[in-house]
Amino acid sequence: QLFGDTVNMASRMESTGKRDYIQLSNSTANLLMKSGKDHWITKREDVVQAKGKGTVQTFWVRDMASQRIQKDDSSTGDSSDTHMKSSDTVFSSDQGSSELTKKIRRPLIKWQVELLSRQIKQIVAKRSDNPGISRQPFNVWDSVYTMPRDEIVDELKLSSCKPSTSQSTHEVDLPDEVHDQLDDFVTSIAMLYRDNVFHNYEHACHVTMSANKFLTRVVNPEVNGLEDTSHRGPAHGNEYAYGLTGCPLTQFAIIFSALIHDIDHQGVSNKQLSDENNRIATMYNGKSAAEQNSIDLPFEVLGSS
C-alpha cells in the first residue's frame, strides 16, 4: 500500500508539474516547515487531482537565487536587469562553455569509444570467420524516412551464425581513421545531451555500463562464475544467450542504444511536451516524442559525418 501510494502520488506530481519548477507533496512540505524551512517553499495557487485522493495541495520550491539577486539589486538601486540576471544564475548549467563541458565529459567519452571499439572488433572478427555474410551499405540520406515508432516489431530474429573461434578480437586492428570517426561521433552525441538533472550524458554512461555488464553476463556466463559452459562447446553458449553470442552486431546495437537513449531530453515528460506544444511533440504527433527524437538525432549525426 505504501509503495502504491508513493508511486501514485509521484505520477500525479510529475504529470502536473511545470517546466523549471520543483513541486513538493504536502507531506514533504510539512517536513520542511517542521524543520523551520517554511521560507523555502510557497503554496501552489491551484490544487492537484490525485487518483484515490481527490484534490491535493502541493507546494513549489522558492527560487532562492532570484530572491538573493533581487535583494542585491535593491541595495544598489539597480533593478533594470533583474530578470536577466536571475535567469543566468538559475540556468547557468545550460549556458556554460561547450569546451568546458567537453573537457569534463572527456574521460567518459574516451571510455565509450573504447567500449564501442571492442564491439566493432567483434564484428570484424565475425566477418573474417564468415566471409559469406552479406554486407549491405547503408546511406541514411538515401533511405525512405519513417518515424522510429513505425518501425517497431514484436520479434527480432537473430543470426544463426556460431560464435567466432578462429580469430580473437585482440588480433583485430582498427584503422586510426575508424577510431577517429568513432571518437568524433561519441563526442557529438555527448554534446547533444542537455545538462538537466537526470537525463544527462552521465546518466547515459550509467545505463551503458549496466547494459554492458548484463550483456557480458549473458554472453559469457562463466566470466561471473554463473555457470561453467566450457565443456559444452560454443553452440550451447549461443543457445544460452538466445543467439546473442553469435551476433556481435546485435551486441553493438544494444550498447549503441544505451548511449543514445536520452539524447536532447528536455527533462520533462512527453505529456508535458504535448501540453506545451513543444516542437518535437508536434513533429512526432504527440507520440513518444522524446524517445523518437533520441533515435532520429544520432542518425542525422551519422549521415552528416
Protein backbone atom coordinates (compact mmCIF):
# COMPACT_ATOMS: atom_id res chain seq x y z
CA GLN A 1 0.00 0.00 0.00
CA LEU A 2 2.81 2.40 0.90
CA PHE A 3 4.66 1.71 -2.36
CA GLY A 4 1.49 2.02 -4.44
CA ASP A 5 0.54 5.30 -2.79
CA THR A 6 4.05 6.69 -3.30
CA VAL A 7 4.09 5.79 -6.99
CA ASN A 8 0.59 7.17 -7.49
CA MET A 9 1.47 10.49 -5.86
CA ALA A 10 4.78 10.72 -7.72
CA SER A 11 2.95 10.15 -11.00
CA ARG A 12 0.46 12.94 -10.26
CA MET A 13 3.29 15.27 -9.27
CA GLU A 14 5.14 14.52 -12.49
CA SER A 15 2.12 14.94 -14.76
CA THR A 16 1.01 18.21 -13.13
CA GLY A 17 4.44 19.82 -12.84
CA LYS A 18 5.66 22.93 -14.62
CA ARG A 19 8.87 23.37 -16.51
CA ASP A 20 11.74 24.79 -14.42
CA TYR A 21 9.69 24.35 -11.22
CA ILE A 22 10.25 21.90 -8.36
CA GLN A 23 6.97 20.60 -6.95
CA LEU A 24 6.65 19.15 -3.43
CA SER A 25 3.95 16.98 -1.94
CA ASN A 26 2.07 18.20 1.12
CA SER A 27 3.87 15.68 3.36
CA THR A 28 7.31 16.80 2.15
CA ALA A 29 6.33 20.43 2.63
CA ASN A 30 5.19 19.69 6.20
CA LEU A 31 8.57 18.12 6.99
CA LEU A 32 10.34 21.26 5.74
CA MET A 33 8.04 23.52 7.75
CA LYS A 34 8.64 21.47 10.91
CA SER A 35 12.37 21.95 10.30
CA GLY A 36 11.92 25.70 10.18
CA LYS A 37 12.42 25.88 6.42
CA ASP A 38 8.97 27.18 5.51
CA HIS A 39 10.64 30.13 3.74
CA TRP A 40 11.98 27.63 1.20
CA ILE A 41 8.53 26.84 -0.17
CA THR A 42 5.38 28.54 -1.40
CA LYS A 43 1.87 27.10 -1.71
CA ARG A 44 0.74 26.28 -5.22
CA GLU A 45 -2.12 28.51 -6.40
CA ASP A 46 -4.27 25.62 -7.64
CA VAL A 47 -4.76 22.09 -6.36
CA VAL A 48 -3.71 18.75 -7.88
CA GLN A 49 -6.14 15.93 -8.65
CA ALA A 50 -4.67 12.63 -7.39
CA LYS A 51 -6.24 9.25 -8.12
CA GLY A 52 -7.75 7.81 -4.95
CA LYS A 53 -7.00 11.00 -3.01
CA GLY A 54 -9.12 13.66 -4.67
CA THR A 55 -7.76 17.21 -4.53
CA VAL A 56 -4.30 17.59 -3.02
CA GLN A 57 -2.49 20.78 -2.10
CA THR A 58 1.13 20.87 -3.28
CA PHE A 59 3.94 23.37 -2.98
CA TRP A 60 6.68 24.92 -5.12
CA VAL A 61 10.30 25.31 -4.04
CA ARG A 62 11.08 29.03 -4.00
CA ASP A 63 13.64 30.41 -6.41
CA MET A 64 16.17 31.40 -3.77
CA ALA A 65 18.70 32.54 -6.34
CA SER A 66 16.27 35.11 -7.75
CA GLN A 67 15.48 36.40 -4.28
CA ARG A 68 19.17 36.90 -3.49
CA ILE A 69 19.72 38.73 -6.78
CA GLN A 70 16.70 40.99 -6.24
CA LYS A 71 17.95 41.79 -2.73
CA ASP A 72 21.40 42.64 -4.05
CA ASP A 73 19.96 44.81 -6.85
CA SER A 74 17.66 46.70 -4.48
CA SER A 75 20.60 47.50 -2.24
CA THR A 76 22.47 49.03 -5.19
CA GLY A 77 19.40 50.69 -6.66
CA ASP A 78 19.76 48.80 -9.95
CA SER A 79 16.85 46.51 -10.78
CA SER A 80 16.59 47.08 -14.53
CA ASP A 81 18.02 43.69 -15.48
CA THR A 82 16.93 41.60 -12.51
CA HIS A 83 15.06 39.06 -14.64
CA MET A 84 18.02 38.54 -16.92
CA LYS A 85 20.42 38.01 -14.03
CA SER A 86 18.06 35.60 -12.30
CA SER A 87 17.78 33.51 -15.42
CA ASP A 88 21.52 33.50 -15.92
CA THR A 89 22.09 32.28 -12.37
CA VAL A 90 19.44 29.58 -12.25
CA PHE A 91 20.17 28.13 -15.68
CA SER A 92 23.91 28.68 -15.90
CA SER A 93 24.50 24.96 -16.45
CA ASP A 94 22.66 25.12 -19.80
CA GLN A 95 24.64 28.15 -20.91
CA GLY A 96 28.12 27.10 -19.91
CA SER A 97 31.06 26.87 -22.26
CA SER A 98 30.79 23.91 -24.63
CA GLU A 99 34.56 23.49 -24.47
CA LEU A 100 34.44 23.23 -20.66
CA THR A 101 31.61 20.71 -20.87
CA LYS A 102 33.55 18.69 -23.44
CA LYS A 103 36.62 18.69 -21.17
CA ILE A 104 34.59 17.48 -18.19
CA ARG A 105 33.00 14.70 -20.24
CA ARG A 106 36.21 13.67 -21.98
CA PRO A 107 37.05 10.68 -19.72
CA LEU A 108 33.55 9.28 -20.23
CA ILE A 109 33.76 9.83 -23.98
CA LYS A 110 37.09 8.02 -24.07
CA TRP A 111 35.56 5.08 -22.19
CA GLN A 112 32.58 4.95 -24.56
CA VAL A 113 34.88 4.96 -27.59
CA GLU A 114 36.90 2.07 -26.15
CA LEU A 115 33.75 0.08 -25.39
CA LEU A 116 32.31 0.57 -28.89
CA SER A 117 35.72 -0.20 -30.42
CA ARG A 118 35.71 -3.60 -28.73
CA GLN A 119 32.26 -4.28 -30.15
CA ILE A 120 33.40 -3.30 -33.65
CA LYS A 121 36.39 -5.62 -33.35
CA GLN A 122 34.00 -8.47 -32.61
CA ILE A 123 32.07 -7.63 -35.78
CA VAL A 124 35.29 -7.65 -37.82
CA ALA A 125 36.31 -11.00 -36.31
CA LYS A 126 32.89 -12.42 -37.12
CA ARG A 127 33.16 -11.33 -40.76
CA SER A 128 36.60 -12.93 -41.00
CA ASP A 129 35.11 -16.23 -39.81
CA ASN A 130 32.11 -15.92 -42.12
CA PRO A 131 33.21 -14.32 -45.42
CA GLY A 132 29.85 -15.19 -46.95
CA ILE A 133 27.98 -12.75 -44.68
CA SER A 134 26.27 -10.17 -46.86
CA ARG A 135 27.37 -6.56 -46.39
CA GLN A 136 24.81 -4.02 -47.47
CA PRO A 137 25.90 -0.37 -47.42
CA PHE A 138 23.53 1.98 -45.66
CA ASN A 139 23.07 5.61 -46.63
CA VAL A 140 20.88 7.46 -44.15
CA TRP A 141 20.05 10.18 -46.69
CA ASP A 142 19.01 7.78 -49.45
CA SER A 143 16.70 5.76 -47.24
CA VAL A 144 12.97 6.49 -47.09
CA TYR A 145 12.21 8.34 -43.84
CA THR A 146 9.76 6.73 -41.46
CA MET A 147 9.14 7.59 -37.85
CA PRO A 148 11.05 5.29 -35.45
CA ARG A 149 7.81 4.30 -33.74
CA ASP A 150 6.50 2.91 -37.05
CA GLU A 151 9.47 0.55 -37.31
CA ILE A 152 8.83 -1.27 -34.02
CA VAL A 153 8.46 -5.03 -34.43
CA ASP A 154 7.23 -7.60 -31.92
CA GLU A 155 10.02 -10.06 -32.61
CA LEU A 156 13.56 -9.81 -33.93
CA LYS A 157 15.15 -12.91 -35.45
CA LEU A 158 18.85 -13.08 -34.63
CA SER A 159 21.58 -14.53 -36.80
CA SER A 160 22.12 -18.27 -36.58
CA CYS A 161 25.90 -17.88 -37.01
CA LYS A 162 28.10 -19.55 -34.43
CA PRO A 163 30.42 -17.51 -32.20
CA SER A 164 33.82 -16.55 -33.64
CA THR A 165 36.54 -19.08 -32.89
CA SER A 166 39.41 -18.65 -35.33
CA GLN A 167 40.27 -15.01 -34.72
CA SER A 168 40.48 -13.25 -31.39
CA THR A 169 39.42 -9.61 -31.08
CA HIS A 170 42.95 -8.95 -29.75
CA GLU A 171 44.22 -9.79 -33.23
CA VAL A 172 41.96 -7.20 -34.89
CA ASP A 173 43.49 -3.79 -35.52
CA LEU A 174 41.10 -0.97 -36.28
CA PRO A 175 42.47 1.73 -38.61
CA ASP A 176 43.17 5.09 -36.98
CA GLU A 177 40.54 6.59 -39.26
CA VAL A 178 37.85 4.36 -37.74
CA HIS A 179 38.92 5.27 -34.21
CA ASP A 180 38.91 9.00 -35.06
CA GLN A 181 35.46 8.79 -36.63
CA LEU A 182 34.14 6.91 -33.62
CA ASP A 183 35.65 9.49 -31.27
CA ASP A 184 34.07 12.35 -33.26
CA PHE A 185 30.70 10.61 -33.24
CA VAL A 186 30.64 9.87 -29.50
CA THR A 187 31.78 13.43 -28.77
CA SER A 188 28.93 14.79 -30.90
CA ILE A 189 26.47 12.54 -29.08
CA ALA A 190 27.78 13.67 -25.68
CA MET A 191 27.32 17.31 -26.63
CA LEU A 192 23.73 16.68 -27.72
CA TYR A 193 22.80 15.70 -24.16
CA ARG A 194 21.37 18.58 -22.15
CA ASP A 195 22.69 19.43 -18.69
CA ASN A 196 19.47 18.63 -16.88
CA VAL A 197 19.28 16.92 -13.51
CA PHE A 198 18.72 13.31 -14.55
CA HIS A 199 18.51 12.65 -18.30
CA ASN A 200 22.07 13.80 -19.00
CA TYR A 201 25.20 12.27 -20.54
CA GLU A 202 26.39 10.89 -17.22
CA HIS A 203 23.10 9.03 -16.92
CA ALA A 204 23.60 7.64 -20.44
CA CYS A 205 27.01 6.34 -19.37
CA HIS A 206 25.48 4.67 -16.30
CA VAL A 207 22.90 2.93 -18.48
CA THR A 208 25.60 1.91 -20.98
CA MET A 209 27.71 0.47 -18.18
CA SER A 210 24.76 -1.54 -16.87
CA ALA A 211 23.83 -2.76 -20.35
CA ASN A 212 27.41 -3.85 -20.97
CA LYS A 213 27.56 -5.69 -17.65
CA PHE A 214 24.27 -7.52 -18.25
CA LEU A 215 25.33 -8.31 -21.81
CA THR A 216 28.62 -9.79 -20.56
CA ARG A 217 26.82 -11.95 -18.02
CA VAL A 218 24.52 -13.30 -20.73
CA VAL A 219 27.10 -13.81 -23.46
CA ASN A 220 29.88 -15.06 -21.16
CA PRO A 221 28.19 -16.55 -18.06
CA GLU A 222 31.41 -18.22 -16.92
CA VAL A 223 33.07 -14.80 -16.53
CA ASN A 224 30.99 -14.16 -13.43
CA GLY A 225 31.01 -17.76 -12.23
CA LEU A 226 27.33 -18.19 -13.04
CA GLU A 227 27.84 -21.40 -14.96
CA ASP A 228 30.72 -23.36 -16.40
CA THR A 229 29.71 -23.96 -20.02
CA SER A 230 33.19 -24.51 -21.44
CA HIS A 231 32.77 -28.30 -21.61
CA ARG A 232 29.54 -27.94 -23.60
CA GLY A 233 31.02 -26.04 -26.52
CA PRO A 234 30.15 -22.71 -28.16
CA ALA A 235 26.82 -23.94 -29.55
CA HIS A 236 25.39 -24.33 -26.04
CA GLY A 237 26.71 -20.89 -25.07
CA ASN A 238 24.98 -19.30 -28.03
CA GLU A 239 21.73 -21.06 -27.13
CA TYR A 240 22.11 -19.93 -23.51
CA ALA A 241 22.44 -16.34 -24.72
CA TYR A 242 19.41 -16.56 -27.05
CA GLY A 243 21.63 -16.11 -30.11
CA LEU A 244 23.47 -13.02 -28.83
CA THR A 245 26.85 -14.75 -28.68
CA GLY A 246 26.81 -15.37 -32.42
CA CYS A 247 25.60 -11.88 -33.30
CA PRO A 248 28.16 -9.16 -32.38
CA LEU A 249 26.23 -6.63 -34.46
CA THR A 250 23.26 -7.04 -32.09
CA GLN A 251 25.62 -6.64 -29.12
CA PHE A 252 26.89 -3.42 -30.68
CA ALA A 253 23.29 -2.25 -31.21
CA ILE A 254 22.48 -2.78 -27.51
CA ILE A 255 25.45 -0.67 -26.36
CA PHE A 256 24.74 1.92 -29.06
CA SER A 257 21.10 2.15 -27.95
CA ALA A 258 22.13 2.73 -24.34
CA LEU A 259 24.45 5.53 -25.43
CA ILE A 260 21.83 7.45 -27.42
CA HIS A 261 18.66 6.67 -25.50
CA ASP A 262 18.12 10.10 -23.88
CA ILE A 263 19.74 12.48 -26.38
CA ASP A 264 18.31 16.03 -26.23
CA HIS A 265 15.96 15.06 -23.39
CA GLN A 266 14.43 18.25 -22.01
CA GLY A 267 13.90 16.94 -18.50
CA VAL A 268 10.10 16.79 -18.71
CA SER A 269 7.60 14.09 -19.67
CA ASN A 270 6.13 13.57 -23.13
CA LYS A 271 2.78 14.73 -21.77
CA GLN A 272 4.35 17.98 -20.65
CA LEU A 273 5.91 18.45 -24.08
CA SER A 274 2.49 17.96 -25.67
CA ASP A 275 0.81 20.34 -23.21
CA GLU A 276 3.39 23.00 -24.10
CA ASN A 277 3.03 22.36 -27.86
CA ASN A 278 6.75 21.71 -27.95
CA ARG A 279 8.37 21.43 -31.37
CA ILE A 280 9.25 17.75 -31.09
CA ALA A 281 5.81 16.86 -29.69
CA THR A 282 4.30 18.37 -32.83
CA MET A 283 6.89 16.69 -35.06
CA TYR A 284 6.05 13.22 -33.71
CA ASN A 285 2.29 13.76 -33.39
CA GLY A 286 2.46 13.66 -29.61
CA LYS A 287 3.55 10.02 -29.51
CA SER A 288 6.79 9.05 -27.70
CA ALA A 289 8.30 12.36 -28.77
CA ALA A 290 11.41 12.28 -26.59
CA GLU A 291 12.20 8.67 -27.49
CA GLN A 292 11.72 9.11 -31.24
CA ASN A 293 13.79 12.29 -31.19
CA SER A 294 16.64 10.46 -29.42
CA ILE A 295 16.71 7.93 -32.28
CA ASP A 296 16.49 10.38 -35.16
CA LEU A 297 19.20 12.78 -33.94
CA PRO A 298 22.13 10.29 -33.79
CA PHE A 299 21.30 9.02 -37.27
CA GLU A 300 21.40 12.61 -38.50
CA VAL A 301 24.88 12.84 -36.96
CA LEU A 302 25.88 9.61 -38.69
CA GLY A 303 24.56 10.88 -42.00
CA SER A 304 26.42 14.17 -41.74
CA SER A 305 29.78 12.68 -40.71
